[in-house]
N, C-alpha and C. Protein backbone atom coordinates (compact mmCIF):
# COMPACT_ATOMS: atom_id res chain seq x y z
N MET A 1 145.26 136.42 98.94
CA MET A 1 144.74 135.58 98.56
C MET A 1 143.60 135.07 98.84
N GLU A 2 142.58 135.85 98.33
CA GLU A 2 140.82 135.08 98.93
C GLU A 2 140.68 134.02 97.40
N THR A 3 140.05 132.74 98.20
CA THR A 3 139.54 131.67 97.38
C THR A 3 138.11 131.65 97.53
N GLY A 4 137.46 132.51 98.20
CA GLY A 4 135.96 132.74 98.41
C GLY A 4 135.50 131.52 99.31
N TYR A 5 136.10 130.31 99.71
CA TYR A 5 135.58 129.29 100.58
C TYR A 5 136.16 129.84 102.11
N LYS A 6 135.15 129.63 102.92
CA LYS A 6 135.73 130.19 104.08
C LYS A 6 135.85 128.84 105.14
N VAL A 7 136.41 129.28 106.24
CA VAL A 7 136.59 127.96 107.05
C VAL A 7 135.43 126.97 107.35
N GLY A 8 134.33 128.18 107.54
CA GLY A 8 132.95 127.09 108.02
C GLY A 8 132.50 126.26 107.33
N ASP A 9 132.75 126.28 105.71
CA ASP A 9 132.43 125.68 104.87
C ASP A 9 133.55 124.21 104.89
N ALA A 10 134.75 124.18 104.94
CA ALA A 10 135.78 123.13 104.70
C ALA A 10 135.50 122.10 106.12
N MET A 11 135.38 122.52 107.02
CA MET A 11 135.38 122.36 108.98
C MET A 11 134.63 121.21 109.07
N THR A 12 135.10 120.11 109.68
CA THR A 12 134.37 118.87 110.46
C THR A 12 133.94 120.11 111.99
N HIS A 13 132.62 119.48 111.66
CA HIS A 13 131.08 119.99 112.92
C HIS A 13 131.30 118.98 114.06
N LYS A 14 131.40 118.21 113.76
CA LYS A 14 132.30 117.17 115.23
C LYS A 14 132.90 116.09 115.30
N PRO A 15 133.91 117.17 115.33
CA PRO A 15 135.23 116.26 115.55
C PRO A 15 135.63 115.40 116.64
N VAL A 16 136.56 114.28 116.24
CA VAL A 16 136.39 113.47 117.24
C VAL A 16 137.03 113.93 118.53
N THR A 17 136.71 113.97 119.66
CA THR A 17 137.29 114.38 121.38
C THR A 17 137.93 112.88 121.70
N ILE A 18 138.70 113.72 122.91
CA ILE A 18 139.33 111.97 124.01
C ILE A 18 139.01 113.26 125.05
N SER A 19 139.24 112.22 126.42
CA SER A 19 139.52 112.69 127.69
C SER A 19 141.05 113.29 127.66
N PRO A 20 141.33 113.89 128.46
CA PRO A 20 143.09 113.78 128.45
C PRO A 20 143.51 112.91 129.70
N THR A 21 142.82 111.95 130.47
CA THR A 21 143.52 111.00 130.92
C THR A 21 143.30 109.69 129.95
N ALA A 22 142.51 109.42 129.05
CA ALA A 22 142.72 108.26 128.35
C ALA A 22 144.39 108.28 128.24
N THR A 23 144.62 107.00 127.96
CA THR A 23 145.85 106.42 127.76
C THR A 23 145.87 106.68 126.29
N LEU A 24 147.97 106.74 125.83
CA LEU A 24 148.00 106.85 124.55
C LEU A 24 147.62 105.66 123.09
N LYS A 25 147.45 104.48 124.22
CA LYS A 25 146.95 103.03 123.55
C LYS A 25 145.37 103.74 123.40
N GLN A 26 144.79 104.16 123.97
CA GLN A 26 143.32 104.41 123.57
C GLN A 26 143.36 105.32 122.88
N CYS A 27 144.01 106.44 122.79
CA CYS A 27 144.06 107.13 121.81
C CYS A 27 144.22 106.64 120.60
N ALA A 28 145.60 105.89 120.34
CA ALA A 28 145.57 105.58 118.86
C ALA A 28 144.79 104.20 117.94
N ASP A 29 144.35 103.76 118.97
CA ASP A 29 143.19 103.04 118.83
C ASP A 29 142.19 103.56 117.83
N MET A 30 141.59 104.52 119.01
CA MET A 30 140.62 105.52 118.25
C MET A 30 140.89 105.65 116.80
N MET A 31 141.65 106.53 116.74
CA MET A 31 142.70 107.04 115.89
C MET A 31 142.60 105.92 114.41
N ALA A 32 142.81 105.03 114.86
CA ALA A 32 142.81 104.34 113.80
C ALA A 32 141.90 103.63 113.26
N LYS A 33 140.77 103.17 114.34
CA LYS A 33 139.61 103.04 113.67
C LYS A 33 138.74 103.72 113.27
N LYS A 34 138.71 105.25 113.79
CA LYS A 34 137.83 106.09 112.84
C LYS A 34 139.13 107.12 111.82
N HIS A 35 140.10 106.31 111.26
CA HIS A 35 140.82 106.63 110.00
C HIS A 35 141.02 108.27 110.24
N ILE A 36 141.69 108.65 111.68
CA ILE A 36 141.83 110.18 111.54
C ILE A 36 143.32 110.61 111.94
N GLY A 37 143.62 111.49 111.68
CA GLY A 37 145.27 111.78 112.19
C GLY A 37 145.31 112.81 113.42
N SER A 38 144.13 112.85 114.43
CA SER A 38 144.02 113.87 115.49
C SER A 38 142.91 114.16 115.86
N VAL A 39 143.14 114.22 117.52
CA VAL A 39 142.11 114.09 118.43
C VAL A 39 142.09 116.00 119.01
N LEU A 40 140.85 115.70 119.28
CA LEU A 40 140.46 117.24 120.24
C LEU A 40 140.75 116.57 121.38
N VAL A 41 141.16 117.60 122.56
CA VAL A 41 141.02 117.04 124.09
C VAL A 41 140.26 117.59 124.74
N GLU A 42 139.18 117.52 125.52
CA GLU A 42 138.46 117.41 126.03
C GLU A 42 138.26 117.23 127.50
N ASP A 43 138.52 118.07 128.41
CA ASP A 43 137.90 118.03 129.34
C ASP A 43 136.59 119.18 130.28
N LYS A 44 135.89 118.64 130.62
CA LYS A 44 134.57 119.51 131.26
C LYS A 44 133.60 120.34 130.00
N ASP A 45 133.99 120.22 128.88
CA ASP A 45 132.97 120.17 127.67
C ASP A 45 133.92 121.39 127.43
N LYS A 46 135.15 121.64 127.61
CA LYS A 46 136.57 122.19 126.98
C LYS A 46 137.25 121.65 126.36
N ILE A 47 137.77 122.40 125.05
CA ILE A 47 138.61 121.78 124.81
C ILE A 47 140.24 122.11 125.34
N VAL A 48 140.53 121.42 125.30
CA VAL A 48 141.90 122.39 126.19
C VAL A 48 143.10 121.68 125.55
N GLY A 49 142.82 120.94 124.45
CA GLY A 49 144.51 120.74 123.98
C GLY A 49 143.91 119.63 122.52
N VAL A 50 145.45 119.43 121.77
CA VAL A 50 144.87 119.07 120.98
C VAL A 50 145.67 117.21 120.78
N LEU A 51 145.90 116.52 119.80
CA LEU A 51 147.26 115.44 119.79
C LEU A 51 146.81 114.73 118.59
N SER A 52 147.98 115.08 118.18
CA SER A 52 147.87 114.21 116.51
C SER A 52 148.91 113.05 116.64
N GLU A 53 148.69 112.49 115.57
CA GLU A 53 149.37 111.12 115.18
C GLU A 53 151.27 111.55 115.68
N GLN A 54 151.23 112.51 115.06
CA GLN A 54 152.76 113.25 114.89
C GLN A 54 153.19 113.38 116.40
N ASP A 55 152.34 113.91 117.51
CA ASP A 55 152.70 113.84 118.40
C ASP A 55 153.17 112.69 119.21
N ILE A 56 152.31 111.55 118.78
CA ILE A 56 151.82 110.37 119.71
C ILE A 56 153.69 109.87 119.83
N VAL A 57 153.93 109.86 117.66
CA VAL A 57 155.14 109.00 117.30
C VAL A 57 156.07 110.02 117.99
N ARG A 58 156.03 111.61 118.00
CA ARG A 58 157.52 111.72 118.37
C ARG A 58 157.70 112.37 119.56
N LYS A 59 156.54 112.00 120.53
CA LYS A 59 156.93 112.62 122.17
C LYS A 59 156.69 111.44 122.70
N ALA A 60 156.63 110.26 122.29
CA ALA A 60 156.11 108.93 122.84
C ALA A 60 156.89 107.95 122.91
N VAL A 61 156.50 107.59 121.27
CA VAL A 61 156.88 105.53 120.61
C VAL A 61 158.35 106.10 120.35
N ALA A 62 158.78 107.56 120.53
CA ALA A 62 160.23 107.53 119.74
C ALA A 62 161.42 107.70 121.36
N LYS A 63 160.35 107.68 122.05
CA LYS A 63 161.41 108.38 123.16
C LYS A 63 161.10 106.60 123.97
N GLY A 64 160.59 105.90 123.86
CA GLY A 64 160.06 104.89 124.26
C GLY A 64 159.07 104.62 125.40
N THR A 65 158.49 106.19 125.36
CA THR A 65 158.11 106.39 126.71
C THR A 65 156.43 105.91 126.65
N ALA A 66 155.74 105.48 125.13
CA ALA A 66 154.27 105.53 125.09
C ALA A 66 153.51 104.65 125.77
N GLY A 67 153.78 103.54 126.56
CA GLY A 67 152.98 102.64 127.20
C GLY A 67 152.71 103.55 128.74
N LYS A 68 153.64 104.39 129.32
CA LYS A 68 153.38 104.92 130.56
C LYS A 68 152.73 106.55 130.39
N LYS A 69 152.40 107.17 129.20
CA LYS A 69 151.83 107.90 129.19
C LYS A 69 150.55 108.39 128.58
N LYS A 70 149.04 109.47 128.89
CA LYS A 70 148.44 109.84 129.26
C LYS A 70 148.61 110.91 127.70
N VAL A 71 147.26 110.89 127.49
CA VAL A 71 147.11 111.71 126.41
C VAL A 71 147.30 113.15 126.79
N LYS A 72 147.33 113.85 128.17
CA LYS A 72 147.65 114.72 129.04
C LYS A 72 148.85 115.05 128.86
N ASP A 73 149.63 114.01 129.01
CA ASP A 73 151.28 114.28 128.96
C ASP A 73 151.88 115.16 127.71
N ILE A 74 151.22 114.80 126.85
CA ILE A 74 152.11 115.23 125.69
C ILE A 74 151.31 115.83 124.20
N MET A 75 149.89 116.22 125.19
CA MET A 75 148.79 116.35 124.09
C MET A 75 149.55 118.16 123.53
N GLU A 76 149.14 119.18 123.06
CA GLU A 76 149.28 120.22 122.50
C GLU A 76 148.73 121.32 123.35
N LYS A 77 148.54 121.99 124.24
CA LYS A 77 147.90 122.59 125.44
C LYS A 77 147.72 124.33 124.61
N ASN A 78 149.01 124.61 123.68
CA ASN A 78 148.81 126.30 122.89
C ASN A 78 148.13 125.91 121.60
N LEU A 79 146.72 126.20 121.89
CA LEU A 79 146.17 126.28 120.60
C LEU A 79 146.12 127.06 119.77
N ILE A 80 146.16 127.41 118.67
CA ILE A 80 146.23 127.95 117.67
C ILE A 80 144.93 127.91 117.27
N THR A 81 143.97 128.71 116.56
CA THR A 81 142.69 128.78 116.42
C THR A 81 142.53 129.31 115.46
N ILE A 82 141.41 129.15 114.89
CA ILE A 82 140.90 130.13 113.60
C ILE A 82 139.16 130.41 114.33
N SER A 83 138.72 131.31 113.02
CA SER A 83 137.30 131.39 112.98
C SER A 83 136.78 130.97 111.41
N PRO A 84 135.68 130.64 111.46
CA PRO A 84 134.35 130.01 110.87
C PRO A 84 134.60 131.11 109.73
N ASP A 85 134.81 132.68 109.71
CA ASP A 85 134.40 133.01 109.07
C ASP A 85 135.84 133.88 107.96
N LYS A 86 136.76 133.44 108.12
CA LYS A 86 138.05 133.08 107.55
C LYS A 86 138.54 132.79 105.95
N ASP A 87 138.75 133.29 105.25
CA ASP A 87 139.06 132.67 103.88
C ASP A 87 139.72 131.35 104.27
N ILE A 88 139.89 130.57 103.60
CA ILE A 88 140.66 128.87 103.71
C ILE A 88 142.01 129.10 103.56
N PHE A 89 142.13 130.19 102.63
CA PHE A 89 143.64 130.56 102.52
C PHE A 89 144.44 130.86 103.45
N GLU A 90 143.66 131.77 104.12
CA GLU A 90 144.29 132.17 105.74
C GLU A 90 144.58 131.00 106.59
N ALA A 91 143.71 129.88 106.79
CA ALA A 91 143.81 128.57 107.21
C ALA A 91 145.18 127.75 106.90
N ILE A 92 145.76 127.62 105.86
CA ILE A 92 146.82 127.23 105.10
C ILE A 92 147.98 128.35 105.40
N ARG A 93 147.86 129.44 105.50
CA ARG A 93 148.72 130.71 105.95
C ARG A 93 149.14 129.76 107.30
N ILE A 94 147.93 130.36 108.58
CA ILE A 94 148.70 129.70 109.49
C ILE A 94 148.83 128.37 109.61
N MET A 95 148.94 127.38 108.96
CA MET A 95 149.47 126.03 109.21
C MET A 95 150.36 126.07 108.64
N ARG A 96 150.56 126.62 107.67
CA ARG A 96 152.29 126.59 106.91
C ARG A 96 153.19 127.34 108.47
N ASP A 97 153.00 128.60 108.55
CA ASP A 97 153.47 129.40 109.85
C ASP A 97 153.99 128.95 111.05
N TYR A 98 152.83 127.65 111.26
CA TYR A 98 152.48 127.26 112.69
C TYR A 98 153.13 125.83 112.76
N ASN A 99 153.44 124.82 111.09
CA ASN A 99 154.04 123.75 110.98
C ASN A 99 152.73 123.04 111.49
N ILE A 100 151.25 123.09 111.35
CA ILE A 100 150.58 122.40 111.85
C ILE A 100 149.49 121.50 111.20
N ARG A 101 148.79 120.79 111.31
CA ARG A 101 147.94 120.60 110.32
C ARG A 101 146.51 120.32 110.34
N HIS A 102 146.44 120.90 112.06
CA HIS A 102 145.00 120.71 112.60
C HIS A 102 144.09 122.35 113.08
N LEU A 103 143.15 122.30 112.83
CA LEU A 103 143.35 123.77 113.78
C LEU A 103 142.17 123.89 114.53
N PRO A 104 141.42 124.42 115.53
CA PRO A 104 140.36 124.26 115.73
C PRO A 104 140.16 125.81 115.48
N VAL A 105 138.35 125.38 115.27
CA VAL A 105 137.27 126.66 114.80
C VAL A 105 136.69 126.84 115.81
N MET A 106 137.04 128.47 116.18
CA MET A 106 136.04 129.01 117.48
C MET A 106 135.47 130.01 117.05
N HIS A 107 134.20 130.60 117.75
CA HIS A 107 133.51 130.88 117.44
C HIS A 107 132.91 131.84 118.63
N GLN A 108 133.01 132.91 118.68
CA GLN A 108 132.93 133.75 119.79
C GLN A 108 133.14 133.30 121.05
N GLY A 109 134.20 132.68 121.33
CA GLY A 109 134.82 131.78 122.66
C GLY A 109 134.32 131.21 122.52
N LYS A 110 133.71 130.27 121.46
CA LYS A 110 133.06 128.82 121.68
C LYS A 110 133.74 127.86 120.72
N PHE A 111 134.13 126.60 120.85
CA PHE A 111 134.64 125.63 119.96
C PHE A 111 133.55 125.31 119.21
N ILE A 112 133.36 125.32 117.79
CA ILE A 112 132.70 125.04 116.48
C ILE A 112 132.76 123.60 116.03
N GLY A 113 134.39 123.78 115.53
CA GLY A 113 134.47 122.80 114.78
C GLY A 113 136.38 122.66 114.77
N LEU A 114 136.70 121.61 113.39
CA LEU A 114 137.99 121.45 113.34
C LEU A 114 138.28 121.48 112.07
N VAL A 115 138.89 122.24 111.62
CA VAL A 115 139.97 121.90 110.17
C VAL A 115 140.87 121.89 110.14
N THR A 116 141.12 121.03 108.84
CA THR A 116 142.21 120.29 108.88
C THR A 116 142.84 120.25 107.12
N MET A 117 144.59 120.21 107.31
CA MET A 117 144.85 120.54 105.32
C MET A 117 143.79 119.42 104.95
N LYS A 118 143.70 118.74 104.85
CA LYS A 118 142.54 117.63 104.22
C LYS A 118 141.84 118.08 103.88
N ASP A 119 140.59 118.70 104.88
CA ASP A 119 139.42 119.60 104.95
C ASP A 119 139.89 120.63 103.55
N ILE A 120 140.90 121.17 103.87
CA ILE A 120 140.54 122.48 102.94
C ILE A 120 140.74 121.82 101.06
N LEU A 121 141.72 121.09 101.30
CA LEU A 121 142.37 120.61 99.69
C LEU A 121 141.02 119.67 99.26
N LYS A 122 139.80 118.96 99.79
CA LYS A 122 139.19 118.36 99.18
C LYS A 122 138.04 118.99 98.59
N ILE A 123 137.94 120.66 99.10
CA ILE A 123 137.41 121.24 98.34
C ILE A 123 137.83 122.76 97.46
N GLU A 124 139.15 122.53 97.43
CA GLU A 124 139.96 123.64 96.75
C GLU A 124 141.26 122.92 96.23
N PRO A 125 141.58 121.87 95.57
CA PRO A 125 142.86 121.19 95.19
C PRO A 125 143.29 122.07 94.69
N ASP A 126 143.18 123.38 94.28
CA ASP A 126 144.51 124.06 93.44
C ASP A 126 145.46 124.14 94.43
N LEU A 127 144.87 124.89 95.57
CA LEU A 127 145.77 124.76 96.55
C LEU A 127 146.98 123.95 96.77
N PHE A 128 146.85 123.01 96.13
CA PHE A 128 147.59 121.78 96.64
C PHE A 128 148.94 122.59 96.29
N GLU A 129 149.29 122.63 94.77
CA GLU A 129 150.06 123.14 94.22
C GLU A 129 150.92 124.19 94.81
N LEU A 130 150.23 125.60 95.29
CA LEU A 130 150.65 126.30 96.38
C LEU A 130 151.47 125.44 97.55
N LEU A 131 150.75 124.39 98.13
CA LEU A 131 151.46 123.81 99.31
C LEU A 131 152.76 123.66 98.85
N VAL A 132 152.86 122.34 97.99
CA VAL A 132 153.49 121.65 97.92
C VAL A 132 155.25 123.09 97.41
N GLU A 133 154.73 123.61 96.25
CA GLU A 133 155.85 124.84 96.18
C GLU A 133 156.31 125.37 97.72
N LYS A 134 155.20 126.06 98.71
CA LYS A 134 156.11 126.55 99.85
C LYS A 134 156.46 125.23 100.78
N PHE A 135 156.56 123.99 100.51
CA PHE A 135 156.88 123.07 101.57
C PHE A 135 158.25 122.58 100.71
N GLU A 136 158.58 122.92 99.33
CA GLU A 136 159.67 122.13 99.14
C GLU A 136 161.03 123.57 98.90
N ILE A 137 160.19 124.99 98.90
CA ILE A 137 161.37 125.82 98.92
C ILE A 137 161.54 125.42 100.36
N ARG A 138 160.78 125.22 101.56
CA ARG A 138 160.96 125.19 102.81
C ARG A 138 162.37 123.81 102.81
N GLU A 139 162.06 122.97 102.54
CA GLU A 139 162.63 121.79 102.44
C GLU A 139 164.53 122.26 101.88
N GLU A 140 164.30 122.92 100.37
CA GLU A 140 165.40 123.44 99.68
C GLU A 140 166.43 124.07 100.73
N ALA A 141 165.72 125.02 101.40
CA ALA A 141 166.58 125.82 102.32
C ALA A 141 167.19 125.30 103.12
N LYS A 142 165.95 124.17 103.81
CA LYS A 142 167.23 123.15 104.58
C LYS A 142 168.56 122.31 104.65
N LYS A 143 168.94 122.37 103.28
CA LYS A 143 170.02 121.59 102.63
C LYS A 143 170.95 122.44 102.62
N PRO A 144 171.88 122.19 103.17
CA PRO A 144 173.34 122.78 103.57
C PRO A 144 174.28 123.26 101.75
N ALA A 145 173.73 121.99 101.08
CA ALA A 145 174.17 123.10 99.37
C ALA A 145 173.55 123.78 99.19
N HIS A 146 172.28 124.22 99.45
CA HIS A 146 171.09 125.48 98.60
C HIS A 146 171.20 126.49 99.28
N ASN A 147 171.88 127.67 98.42
CA ASN A 147 172.10 129.37 99.25
C ASN A 147 170.95 129.91 98.91
N ILE A 148 169.88 129.42 99.32
CA ILE A 148 168.32 130.43 98.87
C ILE A 148 168.96 131.76 99.78
N GLY A 149 168.02 133.26 98.59
CA GLY A 149 168.94 134.37 99.28
C GLY A 149 168.20 134.18 100.34
N GLU A 150 168.24 135.37 101.47
CA GLU A 150 167.47 135.82 102.20
C GLU A 150 166.15 136.30 101.98
N ASN A 151 166.04 136.97 101.28
CA ASN A 151 164.46 137.44 100.85
C ASN A 151 163.56 136.53 99.49
N GLU A 152 164.23 135.85 99.27
CA GLU A 152 163.94 134.45 98.01
C GLU A 152 162.43 133.84 99.05
N GLY A 153 161.56 133.35 97.78
CA GLY A 153 160.54 132.58 98.17
C GLY A 153 159.26 133.05 97.25
N VAL A 154 158.11 132.44 98.11
CA VAL A 154 156.83 132.26 97.19
C VAL A 154 155.97 133.62 97.59
N CYS A 155 155.42 134.32 97.37
CA CYS A 155 154.87 135.47 97.34
C CYS A 155 153.12 134.45 98.51
N GLU A 156 153.36 135.01 99.17
CA GLU A 156 151.41 134.84 100.16
C GLU A 156 150.50 135.34 99.14
N LEU A 157 150.36 136.04 98.16
CA LEU A 157 149.52 136.81 97.57
C LEU A 157 148.76 136.60 96.39
N CYS A 158 149.78 135.83 95.72
CA CYS A 158 149.95 135.30 94.33
C CYS A 158 150.16 133.98 94.50
N GLY A 159 150.91 133.45 95.53
CA GLY A 159 151.76 132.19 95.15
C GLY A 159 152.94 132.14 94.15
N GLU A 160 153.27 132.97 93.75
CA GLU A 160 154.37 133.09 92.65
C GLU A 160 155.71 133.33 93.56
N TYR A 161 156.62 132.41 92.84
CA TYR A 161 158.09 131.98 93.13
C TYR A 161 158.70 133.46 92.91
N ALA A 162 159.23 134.23 94.55
CA ALA A 162 159.93 135.63 93.97
C ALA A 162 161.47 135.40 94.55
N GLU A 163 162.44 136.30 93.65
CA GLU A 163 163.53 136.01 94.58
C GLU A 163 163.96 137.12 95.52
N SER A 164 163.19 138.03 95.62
CA SER A 164 162.93 139.51 96.17
C SER A 164 161.40 139.51 96.76
N LEU A 165 161.43 139.26 98.22
CA LEU A 165 159.95 139.62 98.90
C LEU A 165 160.47 140.87 99.51
N SER A 166 158.92 141.29 99.72
CA SER A 166 159.18 142.34 100.81
C SER A 166 157.66 141.61 101.86
N THR A 167 158.09 142.12 102.95
CA THR A 167 157.27 141.82 104.14
C THR A 167 156.67 143.05 104.35
N ILE A 168 155.17 143.14 103.81
CA ILE A 168 153.98 143.94 103.99
C ILE A 168 152.51 143.12 105.33
N ASP A 169 152.54 144.22 106.62
CA ASP A 169 151.82 143.97 106.90
C ASP A 169 151.95 141.90 107.58
N GLY A 170 152.71 141.75 107.57
CA GLY A 170 153.36 140.49 108.19
C GLY A 170 153.40 139.34 107.13
N ILE A 171 152.73 139.49 105.90
CA ILE A 171 153.01 138.90 105.00
C ILE A 171 153.92 139.42 104.09
N GLN A 172 154.38 137.75 103.56
CA GLN A 172 155.43 137.83 101.96
C GLN A 172 154.98 138.19 101.11
N VAL A 173 155.27 139.05 100.13
CA VAL A 173 154.74 139.85 98.96
C VAL A 173 155.94 139.96 97.83
N CYS A 174 155.61 139.72 96.80
CA CYS A 174 156.54 139.37 95.49
C CYS A 174 156.51 141.04 95.25
N PRO A 175 157.32 142.04 94.41
CA PRO A 175 157.09 143.00 94.02
C PRO A 175 156.22 143.30 93.00
N LYS A 176 155.73 142.37 92.01
CA LYS A 176 154.57 142.76 91.27
C LYS A 176 153.39 142.98 92.70
N CYS A 177 153.01 142.32 93.18
CA CYS A 177 151.92 142.36 94.56
C CYS A 177 152.06 143.73 95.39
N GLU A 178 153.43 143.94 95.79
CA GLU A 178 153.41 145.16 96.69
C GLU A 178 153.43 146.38 95.66
N GLU A 179 153.42 146.39 94.32
CA GLU A 179 153.06 147.31 93.50
C GLU A 179 151.05 147.94 93.47
N GLU A 180 150.84 146.70 93.84
CA GLU A 180 149.19 146.43 93.59
C GLU A 180 148.72 147.10 94.86
N LEU A 181 149.27 146.53 95.96
CA LEU A 181 148.82 147.17 97.17
C LEU A 181 148.92 148.46 97.52
């Protein structure tokens, strides 16, 4: 599915960064002050990680170690990135597949911005329904009483629910879209 909007159209060009040696308290204070849900971790002019509010809560606060940890201790180091020329639907697909909401944007090996779920939904709110459907299906599948079929889900091309999906080039497609390929 193509939306016509590129990642470069939606991304934040100057996202907030923090040092890996900052404390989690300093990081949380900055995030609260700037009303943001994540920061990029920058060391010597290079992005070395990303830290979200969920990371702080799950990896430190919930374990009772927030006062002892630095950003570098819990930041996500394995960065999943996207290029600015990709369609925002591709960004949504990556976010869904990796269960992330913040995606660093790279161009020719250089960091140039950050795109978030909120950024995308601001310019293409129609994708909200598609996201909700996918999350609802994922949550239903986790419930023990639900007996979802093995190939049941939402087509990644048209966004419609189907009882039988096929995987083509790593994308889940419904029978209708499979015929059109």
